[in-house]
Amino acid sequence: MDKNNYINRLKLIYIYKAIYIHITMVVHTVGDSHSYFGFTGITNHHLGPVLCYSFGNEKLNRCDIRNFEMNDTDTIIFSLGEIDCRCHVKKHITDTTTYQDIINNIDAIDLNITISQIKFKHICVYNIVPPIQKYNTFEDPQYPYVGSDEERQQYALYFNEKLKEKCIEKGYIFFDIYNKYADENGFLRKDLSDGYVHINNGIYLTEFINEHLL
C-alpha cells in the first residue's frame, strides 16, 4: 500500500470514529429541577431539590455518578446552585461573613468526576438561571425567596462568576445561557419561563448544545 492510500485510510477511520461517537453520545444532566426544565433529548438524573452546598459537603453520600449508566464519550452537565441563591445564602450572612464568603466555600463536582474514571466527551456546569422578581411570581413556602430581588440577583451573578472560574481551572465547559434568558432588568424572562423559577422554552439550551457539545 502506498503512502497516500495509507493516509486516506487513516482519515476514513477517524471520520467513521467521529461519526460513531456523535451518533452514540448521550447527554446526561445531573442535579436539581433545573437539570430537566427546558432540556430536550437528554438523559436526566434528578437528585431532587438538592443544594450545591449539600452536594459538595456530603460528596458521594449525596450523589455517586458511578451508580448511573454513563459511558465513555458521553457528555455530562451538572446543574446545582439556584436553590442556594434563592433560599439559603442570605440566611448565613453575618457581620463577618459576606455572601461572597459563603459562595466561595461551595465546592461540588470534582470528586464525582475523578472517581468515576469515565472519559466524558464534555464535562459541563450549567449556570444559575436568572432569578425572578418576587412581586409577580408565585412563592412556594417550602422554598421561599430569601433576600430582595436585587440581593438574589447579586448572589446568582457571583455564583456564576465562580462557576466559570472553576470551569476554566478544570477544563470544563461553562454552560452559559444566562443573558439569553434575562430581561432588561436582569431577571428571568417571563415569556421563556414556566411562570415560576424555571426555564420552559429551551430554545437557547438546545442552541448551546448544538453549537458547543455535539
N, C-alpha and C. Protein backbone atom coordinates (compact mmCIF):
# COMPACT_ATOMS: atom_id res chain seq x y z
N MET A 1 0.85 -1.20 0.00
CA MET A 1 0.00 0.00 0.00
C MET A 1 0.89 1.25 0.00
N ASP A 2 0.62 2.19 -0.93
CA ASP A 2 1.47 3.38 -0.95
C ASP A 2 1.06 4.35 0.15
N LYS A 3 1.89 5.35 0.33
CA LYS A 3 1.72 6.29 1.45
C LYS A 3 0.39 7.03 1.38
N ASN A 4 0.01 7.48 0.17
CA ASN A 4 -1.23 8.26 0.02
C ASN A 4 -2.46 7.43 0.39
N ASN A 5 -2.48 6.16 -0.07
CA ASN A 5 -3.61 5.28 0.27
C ASN A 5 -3.69 5.04 1.77
N TYR A 6 -2.52 4.88 2.40
CA TYR A 6 -2.48 4.65 3.85
C TYR A 6 -3.04 5.85 4.60
N ILE A 7 -2.64 7.05 4.18
CA ILE A 7 -3.12 8.28 4.82
C ILE A 7 -4.63 8.43 4.64
N ASN A 8 -5.10 8.14 3.44
CA ASN A 8 -6.54 8.24 3.17
C ASN A 8 -7.34 7.26 4.02
N ARG A 9 -6.80 6.05 4.20
CA ARG A 9 -7.50 5.07 5.04
C ARG A 9 -7.55 5.54 6.49
N LEU A 10 -6.46 6.12 6.96
CA LEU A 10 -6.44 6.65 8.33
C LEU A 10 -7.49 7.75 8.49
N LYS A 11 -7.58 8.62 7.49
CA LYS A 11 -8.57 9.70 7.55
C LYS A 11 -9.98 9.15 7.64
N LEU A 12 -10.26 8.09 6.85
CA LEU A 12 -11.58 7.47 6.88
C LEU A 12 -11.89 6.87 8.25
N ILE A 13 -10.87 6.24 8.84
CA ILE A 13 -11.06 5.65 10.17
C ILE A 13 -11.43 6.72 11.19
N TYR A 14 -10.72 7.85 11.15
CA TYR A 14 -11.01 8.94 12.09
C TYR A 14 -12.40 9.52 11.85
N ILE A 15 -12.77 9.63 10.58
CA ILE A 15 -14.10 10.17 10.25
C ILE A 15 -15.19 9.25 10.77
N TYR A 16 -15.04 7.93 10.51
CA TYR A 16 -16.04 6.97 10.97
C TYR A 16 -16.12 6.95 12.49
N LYS A 17 -14.97 7.07 13.15
CA LYS A 17 -14.96 7.08 14.61
C LYS A 17 -15.69 8.31 15.13
N ALA A 18 -15.45 9.46 14.51
CA ALA A 18 -16.12 10.69 14.93
C ALA A 18 -17.63 10.59 14.74
N ILE A 19 -18.04 10.00 13.61
CA ILE A 19 -19.48 9.83 13.34
C ILE A 19 -20.10 8.90 14.37
N TYR A 20 -19.39 7.82 14.72
CA TYR A 20 -19.91 6.87 15.70
C TYR A 20 -20.09 7.53 17.06
N ILE A 21 -19.10 8.30 17.48
CA ILE A 21 -19.18 8.99 18.77
C ILE A 21 -20.35 9.96 18.77
N HIS A 22 -20.51 10.69 17.67
CA HIS A 22 -21.60 11.67 17.57
C HIS A 22 -22.96 10.99 17.68
N ILE A 23 -23.10 9.83 17.02
CA ILE A 23 -24.39 9.14 17.00
C ILE A 23 -24.69 8.52 18.36
N THR A 24 -23.68 7.95 19.00
CA THR A 24 -23.91 7.19 20.22
C THR A 24 -23.80 8.02 21.49
N MET A 25 -23.28 9.22 21.42
CA MET A 25 -23.08 10.04 22.61
C MET A 25 -24.41 10.38 23.27
N VAL A 26 -24.47 10.24 24.59
CA VAL A 26 -25.64 10.62 25.36
C VAL A 26 -25.29 11.85 26.19
N VAL A 27 -26.18 12.82 26.22
CA VAL A 27 -26.00 13.99 27.07
C VAL A 27 -26.77 13.75 28.37
N HIS A 28 -26.05 13.69 29.47
CA HIS A 28 -26.64 13.47 30.79
C HIS A 28 -26.70 14.79 31.56
N THR A 29 -27.80 15.03 32.23
CA THR A 29 -27.88 16.15 33.16
C THR A 29 -28.09 15.60 34.57
N VAL A 30 -27.40 16.21 35.53
CA VAL A 30 -27.43 15.74 36.92
C VAL A 30 -27.67 16.93 37.82
N GLY A 31 -28.68 16.85 38.71
CA GLY A 31 -28.83 17.94 39.66
C GLY A 31 -30.26 18.19 40.07
N ASP A 32 -30.54 19.46 40.34
CA ASP A 32 -31.86 19.87 40.81
C ASP A 32 -32.85 19.96 39.64
N SER A 33 -34.01 20.58 39.88
CA SER A 33 -35.05 20.61 38.84
C SER A 33 -34.63 21.36 37.59
N HIS A 34 -33.65 22.24 37.70
CA HIS A 34 -33.17 22.96 36.52
C HIS A 34 -32.41 22.03 35.57
N SER A 35 -32.10 20.83 36.04
CA SER A 35 -31.39 19.88 35.18
C SER A 35 -32.31 19.23 34.15
N TYR A 36 -33.62 19.48 34.25
CA TYR A 36 -34.51 18.94 33.22
C TYR A 36 -35.46 19.96 32.63
N PHE A 37 -35.75 21.05 33.32
CA PHE A 37 -36.64 22.07 32.75
C PHE A 37 -35.98 22.72 31.53
N GLY A 38 -36.68 22.67 30.40
CA GLY A 38 -36.19 23.31 29.19
C GLY A 38 -35.33 22.44 28.30
N PHE A 39 -34.77 21.37 28.86
CA PHE A 39 -33.91 20.48 28.08
C PHE A 39 -34.75 19.48 27.29
N THR A 40 -34.28 19.12 26.12
CA THR A 40 -34.89 18.04 25.33
C THR A 40 -33.78 17.12 24.82
N GLY A 41 -34.12 15.86 24.64
CA GLY A 41 -33.18 14.91 24.08
C GLY A 41 -32.02 14.56 24.98
N ILE A 42 -32.22 14.70 26.30
CA ILE A 42 -31.15 14.38 27.25
C ILE A 42 -31.60 13.24 28.15
N THR A 43 -30.65 12.66 28.87
CA THR A 43 -30.96 11.69 29.91
C THR A 43 -30.77 12.39 31.25
N ASN A 44 -31.85 12.54 31.99
CA ASN A 44 -31.79 13.30 33.23
C ASN A 44 -31.65 12.39 34.45
N HIS A 45 -30.81 12.84 35.38
CA HIS A 45 -30.65 12.16 36.68
C HIS A 45 -30.99 13.20 37.75
N HIS A 46 -32.27 13.26 38.10
CA HIS A 46 -32.76 14.29 39.01
C HIS A 46 -32.48 13.88 40.45
N LEU A 47 -31.83 14.75 41.19
CA LEU A 47 -31.45 14.45 42.57
C LEU A 47 -32.43 15.04 43.58
N GLY A 48 -33.50 15.67 43.08
CA GLY A 48 -34.42 16.36 43.98
C GLY A 48 -33.93 17.78 44.25
N PRO A 49 -34.55 18.46 45.21
CA PRO A 49 -34.18 19.86 45.49
C PRO A 49 -32.87 19.98 46.27
N VAL A 50 -31.81 19.50 45.66
CA VAL A 50 -30.52 19.43 46.35
C VAL A 50 -29.78 20.76 46.24
N LEU A 51 -29.14 21.15 47.32
CA LEU A 51 -28.29 22.34 47.32
C LEU A 51 -26.92 22.00 46.74
N CYS A 52 -26.31 22.97 46.12
CA CYS A 52 -24.92 22.80 45.70
C CYS A 52 -24.05 22.59 46.94
N TYR A 53 -24.38 23.29 48.01
CA TYR A 53 -23.64 23.12 49.27
C TYR A 53 -23.71 21.67 49.75
N SER A 54 -24.91 21.10 49.76
CA SER A 54 -25.08 19.72 50.23
C SER A 54 -24.38 18.73 49.31
N PHE A 55 -24.49 18.97 48.01
CA PHE A 55 -23.85 18.10 47.02
C PHE A 55 -22.35 18.04 47.27
N GLY A 56 -21.76 19.19 47.53
CA GLY A 56 -20.32 19.24 47.77
C GLY A 56 -19.93 18.74 49.14
N ASN A 57 -20.74 19.08 50.15
CA ASN A 57 -20.40 18.75 51.54
C ASN A 57 -20.57 17.26 51.82
N GLU A 58 -21.63 16.66 51.27
CA GLU A 58 -21.91 15.25 51.52
C GLU A 58 -21.24 14.32 50.51
N LYS A 59 -20.69 14.91 49.47
CA LYS A 59 -19.90 14.21 48.47
C LYS A 59 -20.62 12.96 47.94
N LEU A 60 -19.97 11.80 47.98
CA LEU A 60 -20.54 10.60 47.34
C LEU A 60 -21.76 10.07 48.07
N ASN A 61 -21.95 10.48 49.32
CA ASN A 61 -23.16 10.07 50.04
C ASN A 61 -24.39 10.74 49.44
N ARG A 62 -24.20 11.89 48.83
CA ARG A 62 -25.32 12.60 48.18
C ARG A 62 -25.52 12.12 46.75
N CYS A 63 -24.43 11.94 46.03
CA CYS A 63 -24.52 11.50 44.63
C CYS A 63 -23.22 10.86 44.20
N ASP A 64 -23.33 9.70 43.62
CA ASP A 64 -22.18 8.99 43.05
C ASP A 64 -22.56 8.61 41.62
N ILE A 65 -21.97 9.29 40.65
CA ILE A 65 -22.39 9.07 39.27
C ILE A 65 -22.00 7.69 38.76
N ARG A 66 -21.23 6.95 39.53
CA ARG A 66 -20.95 5.56 39.15
C ARG A 66 -22.22 4.71 39.22
N ASN A 67 -23.23 5.22 39.93
CA ASN A 67 -24.50 4.49 40.03
C ASN A 67 -25.40 4.72 38.81
N PHE A 68 -25.01 5.65 37.94
CA PHE A 68 -25.79 5.94 36.75
C PHE A 68 -25.17 5.23 35.55
N GLU A 69 -26.00 4.97 34.56
CA GLU A 69 -25.50 4.31 33.34
C GLU A 69 -24.91 5.37 32.41
N MET A 70 -23.61 5.54 32.51
CA MET A 70 -22.90 6.51 31.67
C MET A 70 -21.70 5.82 31.05
N ASN A 71 -21.30 6.31 29.89
CA ASN A 71 -20.22 5.66 29.14
C ASN A 71 -19.19 6.67 28.66
N ASP A 72 -18.02 6.15 28.33
CA ASP A 72 -17.00 6.99 27.70
C ASP A 72 -17.61 7.66 26.46
N THR A 73 -17.20 8.87 26.22
CA THR A 73 -17.64 9.74 25.10
C THR A 73 -19.01 10.36 25.34
N ASP A 74 -19.70 10.02 26.45
CA ASP A 74 -20.92 10.75 26.80
C ASP A 74 -20.55 12.14 27.30
N THR A 75 -21.55 12.99 27.40
CA THR A 75 -21.38 14.34 27.95
C THR A 75 -22.21 14.46 29.22
N ILE A 76 -21.66 15.14 30.23
CA ILE A 76 -22.38 15.33 31.49
C ILE A 76 -22.50 16.82 31.81
N ILE A 77 -23.69 17.21 32.26
CA ILE A 77 -23.97 18.60 32.63
C ILE A 77 -24.47 18.61 34.08
N PHE A 78 -23.76 19.30 34.96
CA PHE A 78 -24.19 19.43 36.35
C PHE A 78 -25.00 20.72 36.51
N SER A 79 -26.12 20.60 37.21
CA SER A 79 -26.99 21.76 37.45
C SER A 79 -27.26 21.87 38.95
N LEU A 80 -26.59 22.82 39.60
CA LEU A 80 -26.70 22.99 41.05
C LEU A 80 -26.50 24.46 41.40
N GLY A 81 -27.17 24.91 42.47
CA GLY A 81 -26.87 26.23 43.00
C GLY A 81 -28.01 27.23 43.02
N GLU A 82 -29.03 27.02 42.18
CA GLU A 82 -30.12 28.01 42.15
C GLU A 82 -30.85 28.08 43.48
N ILE A 83 -31.08 26.91 44.11
CA ILE A 83 -31.79 26.90 45.39
C ILE A 83 -30.93 27.55 46.48
N ASP A 84 -29.62 27.35 46.41
CA ASP A 84 -28.72 28.04 47.35
C ASP A 84 -28.94 29.55 47.28
N CYS A 85 -28.95 30.07 46.05
CA CYS A 85 -29.08 31.52 45.86
C CYS A 85 -30.47 32.03 46.24
N ARG A 86 -31.48 31.25 45.96
CA ARG A 86 -32.85 31.67 46.21
C ARG A 86 -33.22 31.60 47.69
N CYS A 87 -32.77 30.57 48.37
CA CYS A 87 -33.31 30.27 49.71
C CYS A 87 -32.31 30.33 50.87
N HIS A 88 -31.02 30.26 50.60
CA HIS A 88 -30.11 29.98 51.70
C HIS A 88 -28.97 30.98 51.92
N VAL A 89 -28.40 31.51 50.87
CA VAL A 89 -27.22 32.36 51.04
C VAL A 89 -27.48 33.50 52.02
N LYS A 90 -28.59 34.20 51.83
CA LYS A 90 -28.93 35.35 52.67
C LYS A 90 -28.95 34.98 54.15
N LYS A 91 -29.45 33.80 54.49
CA LYS A 91 -29.63 33.38 55.88
C LYS A 91 -28.30 33.23 56.62
N HIS A 92 -27.23 33.04 55.87
CA HIS A 92 -25.94 32.76 56.50
C HIS A 92 -24.99 33.97 56.50
N ILE A 93 -25.47 35.09 56.02
CA ILE A 93 -24.67 36.31 56.04
C ILE A 93 -24.65 36.88 57.46
N THR A 94 -23.48 37.25 57.94
CA THR A 94 -23.32 37.86 59.26
C THR A 94 -22.47 39.12 59.13
N ASP A 95 -22.17 39.71 60.25
CA ASP A 95 -21.31 40.91 60.24
C ASP A 95 -19.91 40.59 59.73
N THR A 96 -19.51 39.35 59.85
CA THR A 96 -18.15 38.97 59.44
C THR A 96 -18.12 38.01 58.25
N THR A 97 -19.30 37.60 57.79
CA THR A 97 -19.37 36.65 56.66
C THR A 97 -20.22 37.26 55.55
N THR A 98 -19.62 37.47 54.40
CA THR A 98 -20.33 38.05 53.27
C THR A 98 -20.92 36.95 52.39
N TYR A 99 -21.79 37.35 51.46
CA TYR A 99 -22.32 36.35 50.53
C TYR A 99 -21.20 35.76 49.68
N GLN A 100 -20.17 36.58 49.41
CA GLN A 100 -19.03 36.05 48.64
C GLN A 100 -18.31 34.95 49.42
N ASP A 101 -18.16 35.15 50.73
CA ASP A 101 -17.51 34.13 51.56
C ASP A 101 -18.29 32.82 51.50
N ILE A 102 -19.60 32.93 51.59
CA ILE A 102 -20.45 31.73 51.59
C ILE A 102 -20.34 30.98 50.26
N ILE A 103 -20.43 31.71 49.17
CA ILE A 103 -20.37 31.08 47.85
C ILE A 103 -18.98 30.54 47.57
N ASN A 104 -17.96 31.24 48.03
CA ASN A 104 -16.59 30.77 47.80
C ASN A 104 -16.32 29.42 48.45
N ASN A 105 -17.07 29.11 49.50
CA ASN A 105 -16.85 27.86 50.23
C ASN A 105 -17.62 26.68 49.64
N ILE A 106 -18.37 26.92 48.59
CA ILE A 106 -19.16 25.84 47.98
C ILE A 106 -18.32 25.14 46.91
N ASP A 107 -18.18 23.84 47.05
CA ASP A 107 -17.42 23.06 46.08
C ASP A 107 -18.21 21.78 45.82
N ALA A 108 -18.32 21.38 44.55
CA ALA A 108 -19.29 20.33 44.29
C ALA A 108 -18.78 19.11 43.53
N ILE A 109 -18.36 19.25 42.30
CA ILE A 109 -18.38 18.09 41.39
C ILE A 109 -17.06 17.37 41.22
N ASP A 110 -15.95 17.92 41.71
CA ASP A 110 -14.65 17.37 41.34
C ASP A 110 -14.48 15.90 41.73
N LEU A 111 -14.91 15.54 42.94
CA LEU A 111 -14.72 14.16 43.39
C LEU A 111 -15.48 13.18 42.50
N ASN A 112 -16.71 13.52 42.14
CA ASN A 112 -17.51 12.65 41.28
C ASN A 112 -16.83 12.39 39.95
N ILE A 113 -16.30 13.43 39.37
CA ILE A 113 -15.63 13.29 38.06
C ILE A 113 -14.38 12.43 38.20
N THR A 114 -13.59 12.69 39.24
CA THR A 114 -12.33 11.97 39.41
C THR A 114 -12.55 10.49 39.65
N ILE A 115 -13.49 10.17 40.54
CA ILE A 115 -13.66 8.78 40.95
C ILE A 115 -14.40 7.94 39.91
N SER A 116 -15.17 8.58 39.04
CA SER A 116 -15.94 7.82 38.05
C SER A 116 -15.05 7.15 37.01
N GLN A 117 -13.92 7.81 36.68
CA GLN A 117 -12.98 7.32 35.67
C GLN A 117 -13.62 7.19 34.29
N ILE A 118 -14.75 7.87 34.09
CA ILE A 118 -15.38 7.88 32.76
C ILE A 118 -14.70 8.94 31.91
N LYS A 119 -14.39 8.59 30.69
CA LYS A 119 -13.76 9.54 29.77
C LYS A 119 -14.85 10.30 29.02
N PHE A 120 -15.43 11.29 29.70
CA PHE A 120 -16.50 12.06 29.10
C PHE A 120 -16.01 12.87 27.91
N LYS A 121 -16.86 13.01 26.92
CA LYS A 121 -16.53 13.90 25.81
C LYS A 121 -16.48 15.34 26.31
N HIS A 122 -17.50 15.73 27.07
CA HIS A 122 -17.53 17.06 27.66
C HIS A 122 -18.03 16.96 29.10
N ILE A 123 -17.44 17.76 29.97
CA ILE A 123 -17.93 17.94 31.33
C ILE A 123 -18.38 19.40 31.44
N CYS A 124 -19.64 19.59 31.78
CA CYS A 124 -20.21 20.93 31.76
C CYS A 124 -20.82 21.28 33.12
N VAL A 125 -20.82 22.56 33.41
CA VAL A 125 -21.51 23.08 34.59
C VAL A 125 -22.49 24.14 34.11
N TYR A 126 -23.74 23.91 34.42
CA TYR A 126 -24.83 24.79 33.99
C TYR A 126 -24.88 26.03 34.86
N ASN A 127 -25.11 27.18 34.24
CA ASN A 127 -25.19 28.41 35.02
C ASN A 127 -26.42 28.44 35.93
N ILE A 128 -26.36 29.28 36.96
CA ILE A 128 -27.54 29.59 37.74
C ILE A 128 -28.42 30.46 36.85
N VAL A 129 -29.68 30.08 36.69
CA VAL A 129 -30.56 30.86 35.81
C VAL A 129 -30.89 32.20 36.48
N PRO A 130 -31.29 33.19 35.70
CA PRO A 130 -31.65 34.48 36.30
C PRO A 130 -32.74 34.33 37.36
N PRO A 131 -32.64 35.07 38.44
CA PRO A 131 -33.68 35.00 39.48
C PRO A 131 -34.97 35.68 39.01
N ILE A 132 -36.04 35.41 39.74
CA ILE A 132 -37.32 36.03 39.42
C ILE A 132 -37.51 37.30 40.26
N GLN A 133 -38.53 38.06 39.93
CA GLN A 133 -38.96 39.18 40.76
C GLN A 133 -40.13 38.71 41.61
N LYS A 134 -40.02 38.94 42.90
CA LYS A 134 -40.97 38.36 43.84
C LYS A 134 -42.40 38.88 43.65
N TYR A 135 -42.54 40.14 43.25
CA TYR A 135 -43.87 40.74 43.22
C TYR A 135 -44.79 40.09 42.17
N ASN A 136 -44.21 39.45 41.15
CA ASN A 136 -45.05 38.91 40.08
C ASN A 136 -44.89 37.40 39.90
N THR A 137 -44.39 36.71 40.94
CA THR A 137 -44.13 35.27 40.82
C THR A 137 -44.62 34.53 42.06
N PHE A 138 -45.26 33.40 41.83
CA PHE A 138 -45.69 32.53 42.92
C PHE A 138 -44.51 32.19 43.82
N GLU A 139 -44.77 32.13 45.13
CA GLU A 139 -43.73 31.76 46.08
C GLU A 139 -44.12 30.49 46.82
N ASP A 140 -43.30 29.46 46.68
CA ASP A 140 -43.51 28.21 47.39
C ASP A 140 -43.01 28.39 48.82
N PRO A 141 -43.89 28.25 49.82
CA PRO A 141 -43.45 28.48 51.21
C PRO A 141 -42.36 27.53 51.67
N GLN A 142 -42.22 26.38 51.00
CA GLN A 142 -41.14 25.46 51.36
C GLN A 142 -39.79 25.93 50.83
N TYR A 143 -39.84 26.73 49.76
CA TYR A 143 -38.60 27.24 49.14
C TYR A 143 -38.78 28.73 48.89
N PRO A 144 -38.79 29.52 49.96
CA PRO A 144 -39.13 30.95 49.84
C PRO A 144 -37.99 31.77 49.21
N TYR A 145 -38.35 32.97 48.79
CA TYR A 145 -37.37 33.90 48.24
C TYR A 145 -36.76 34.66 49.42
N VAL A 146 -35.54 34.30 49.77
CA VAL A 146 -34.88 34.89 50.93
C VAL A 146 -33.90 35.96 50.44
N GLY A 147 -34.20 37.20 50.79
CA GLY A 147 -33.43 38.33 50.28
C GLY A 147 -34.23 39.08 49.25
N SER A 148 -33.86 40.31 49.01
CA SER A 148 -34.55 41.12 48.00
C SER A 148 -34.23 40.59 46.61
N ASP A 149 -34.99 41.04 45.62
CA ASP A 149 -34.72 40.64 44.24
C ASP A 149 -33.29 40.98 43.86
N GLU A 150 -32.86 42.17 44.24
CA GLU A 150 -31.52 42.64 43.86
C GLU A 150 -30.44 41.82 44.56
N GLU A 151 -30.68 41.44 45.81
CA GLU A 151 -29.70 40.62 46.52
C GLU A 151 -29.58 39.25 45.88
N ARG A 152 -30.70 38.63 45.58
CA ARG A 152 -30.65 37.30 44.97
C ARG A 152 -30.02 37.36 43.57
N GLN A 153 -30.21 38.47 42.90
CA GLN A 153 -29.54 38.66 41.60
C GLN A 153 -28.03 38.73 41.79
N GLN A 154 -27.60 39.45 42.83
CA GLN A 154 -26.17 39.52 43.14
C GLN A 154 -25.60 38.13 43.41
N TYR A 155 -26.33 37.34 44.20
CA TYR A 155 -25.85 36.00 44.53
C TYR A 155 -25.70 35.16 43.26
N ALA A 156 -26.70 35.21 42.40
CA ALA A 156 -26.66 34.41 41.17
C ALA A 156 -25.50 34.81 40.27
N LEU A 157 -25.31 36.11 40.12
CA LEU A 157 -24.23 36.59 39.25
C LEU A 157 -22.87 36.21 39.80
N TYR A 158 -22.70 36.34 41.11
CA TYR A 158 -21.41 35.99 41.71
C TYR A 158 -21.19 34.48 41.67
N PHE A 159 -22.25 33.72 41.93
CA PHE A 159 -22.16 32.26 41.85
C PHE A 159 -21.71 31.85 40.46
N ASN A 160 -22.30 32.44 39.43
CA ASN A 160 -21.91 32.12 38.05
C ASN A 160 -20.47 32.50 37.77
N GLU A 161 -20.06 33.62 38.32
CA GLU A 161 -18.66 34.04 38.15
C GLU A 161 -17.71 32.98 38.70
N LYS A 162 -18.03 32.45 39.88
CA LYS A 162 -17.18 31.43 40.49
C LYS A 162 -17.26 30.10 39.74
N LEU A 163 -18.45 29.75 39.25
CA LEU A 163 -18.59 28.53 38.45
C LEU A 163 -17.74 28.62 37.18
N LYS A 164 -17.77 29.78 36.56
CA LYS A 164 -16.98 29.98 35.33
C LYS A 164 -15.49 29.85 35.63
N GLU A 165 -15.05 30.43 36.74
CA GLU A 165 -13.64 30.32 37.12
C GLU A 165 -13.25 28.86 37.34
N LYS A 166 -14.12 28.11 38.01
CA LYS A 166 -13.83 26.70 38.26
C LYS A 166 -13.75 25.92 36.94
N CYS A 167 -14.64 26.23 36.01
CA CYS A 167 -14.62 25.54 34.72
C CYS A 167 -13.33 25.83 33.96
N ILE A 168 -12.90 27.06 33.98
CA ILE A 168 -11.64 27.41 33.31
C ILE A 168 -10.47 26.67 33.96
N GLU A 169 -10.47 26.63 35.30
CA GLU A 169 -9.40 25.96 36.03
C GLU A 169 -9.34 24.47 35.71
N LYS A 170 -10.51 23.82 35.60
CA LYS A 170 -10.56 22.38 35.44
C LYS A 170 -10.68 21.92 33.99
N GLY A 171 -10.88 22.88 33.07
CA GLY A 171 -11.05 22.50 31.68
C GLY A 171 -12.45 22.01 31.36
N TYR A 172 -13.44 22.39 32.19
CA TYR A 172 -14.83 22.07 31.94
C TYR A 172 -15.45 23.14 31.04
N ILE A 173 -16.65 22.88 30.55
CA ILE A 173 -17.39 23.85 29.77
C ILE A 173 -18.42 24.53 30.67
N PHE A 174 -18.41 25.85 30.70
CA PHE A 174 -19.42 26.58 31.45
C PHE A 174 -20.62 26.78 30.54
N PHE A 175 -21.72 26.15 30.88
CA PHE A 175 -22.93 26.16 30.07
C PHE A 175 -23.67 27.46 30.38
N ASP A 176 -23.32 28.50 29.64
CA ASP A 176 -23.75 29.86 29.99
C ASP A 176 -24.78 30.38 28.99
N ILE A 177 -26.04 30.40 29.40
CA ILE A 177 -27.11 30.97 28.60
C ILE A 177 -27.86 32.04 29.41
N TYR A 178 -27.21 32.54 30.46
CA TYR A 178 -27.84 33.47 31.40
C TYR A 178 -28.45 34.68 30.69
N ASN A 179 -27.65 35.34 29.87
CA ASN A 179 -28.12 36.58 29.24
C ASN A 179 -29.26 36.33 28.25
N LYS A 180 -29.31 35.14 27.70
CA LYS A 180 -30.39 34.81 26.76
C LYS A 180 -31.75 34.78 27.47
N TYR A 181 -31.72 34.45 28.75
CA TYR A 181 -32.97 34.29 29.50
C TYR A 181 -33.22 35.42 30.49
N ALA A 182 -32.40 36.44 30.45
CA ALA A 182 -32.57 37.59 31.35
C ALA A 182 -33.30 38.72 30.62
N ASP A 183 -34.22 39.38 31.32
CA ASP A 183 -34.92 40.52 30.73
C ASP A 183 -34.06 41.78 30.87
N GLU A 184 -34.62 42.92 30.55
CA GLU A 184 -33.85 44.16 30.54
C GLU A 184 -33.36 44.55 31.94
N ASN A 185 -33.97 43.97 32.98
CA ASN A 185 -33.55 44.26 34.35
C ASN A 185 -32.70 43.13 34.95
N GLY A 186 -32.41 42.12 34.15
CA GLY A 186 -31.57 41.02 34.61
C GLY A 186 -32.30 39.91 35.33
N PHE A 187 -33.63 39.89 35.23
CA PHE A 187 -34.42 38.84 35.87
C PHE A 187 -34.95 37.86 34.81
N LEU A 188 -35.41 36.71 35.26
CA LEU A 188 -35.85 35.65 34.34
C LEU A 188 -37.00 36.14 33.45
N ARG A 189 -36.82 35.96 32.16
CA ARG A 189 -37.85 36.37 31.21
C ARG A 189 -39.12 35.54 31.39
N LYS A 190 -40.23 36.23 31.61
CA LYS A 190 -41.49 35.53 31.82
C LYS A 190 -41.91 34.75 30.58
N ASP A 191 -41.62 35.30 29.40
CA ASP A 191 -42.08 34.65 28.18
C ASP A 191 -41.34 33.35 27.88
N LEU A 192 -40.21 33.13 28.56
CA LEU A 192 -39.43 31.91 28.34
C LEU A 192 -39.42 31.01 29.57
N SER A 193 -40.19 31.38 30.60
CA SER A 193 -40.18 30.63 31.86
C SER A 193 -41.45 29.80 32.00
N ASP A 194 -41.49 29.03 33.10
CA ASP A 194 -42.69 28.25 33.42
C ASP A 194 -43.64 29.04 34.31
N GLY A 195 -43.38 30.34 34.47
CA GLY A 195 -44.18 31.18 35.35
C GLY A 195 -43.69 31.14 36.78
N TYR A 196 -42.69 30.32 37.02
CA TYR A 196 -42.11 30.19 38.36
C TYR A 196 -40.62 30.50 38.24
N VAL A 197 -39.73 29.61 38.63
CA VAL A 197 -38.29 29.90 38.64
C VAL A 197 -37.53 29.17 37.54
N HIS A 198 -38.23 28.41 36.69
CA HIS A 198 -37.55 27.56 35.71
C HIS A 198 -37.66 28.11 34.29
N ILE A 199 -36.71 27.73 33.48
CA ILE A 199 -36.80 27.93 32.05
C ILE A 199 -37.80 26.91 31.49
N ASN A 200 -38.68 27.37 30.63
CA ASN A 200 -39.64 26.46 29.99
C ASN A 200 -39.34 26.29 28.51
N ASN A 201 -39.10 27.40 27.84
CA ASN A 201 -38.76 27.36 26.42
C ASN A 201 -37.25 27.14 26.29
N GLY A 202 -36.88 25.94 25.86
CA GLY A 202 -35.46 25.57 25.84
C GLY A 202 -34.73 25.91 24.56
N ILE A 203 -35.21 26.88 23.81
CA ILE A 203 -34.60 27.20 22.52
C ILE A 203 -33.11 27.49 22.63
N TYR A 204 -32.70 28.23 23.66
CA TYR A 204 -31.30 28.60 23.77
C TYR A 204 -30.46 27.51 24.44
N LEU A 205 -31.10 26.64 25.21
CA LEU A 205 -30.39 25.48 25.73
C LEU A 205 -30.03 24.54 24.58
N THR A 206 -31.00 24.28 23.71
CA THR A 206 -30.76 23.43 22.55
C THR A 206 -29.71 24.05 21.64
N GLU A 207 -29.79 25.35 21.46
CA GLU A 207 -28.81 26.05 20.62
C GLU A 207 -27.40 25.87 21.18
N PHE A 208 -27.24 26.00 22.50
CA PHE A 208 -25.92 25.85 23.11
C PHE A 208 -25.40 24.43 22.93
N ILE A 209 -26.25 23.44 23.16
CA ILE A 209 -25.85 22.04 22.99
C ILE A 209 -25.41 21.78 21.56
N ASN A 210 -26.18 22.25 20.60
CA ASN A 210 -25.86 22.01 19.18
C ASN A 210 -24.56 22.69 18.78
N GLU A 211 -24.28 23.87 19.34
CA GLU A 211 -23.11 24.63 18.93
C GLU A 211 -21.83 24.21 19.66
N HIS A 212 -21.96 23.72 20.90
CA HIS A 212 -20.78 23.50 21.72
C HIS A 212 -20.53 22.06 22.15
N LEU A 213 -21.57 21.22 22.12
CA LEU A 213 -21.42 19.90 22.69
C LEU A 213 -21.53 18.76 21.69
N LEU A 214 -22.09 19.00 20.51
CA LEU A 214 -22.26 17.91 19.53
C LEU A 214 -21.11 17.90 18.53
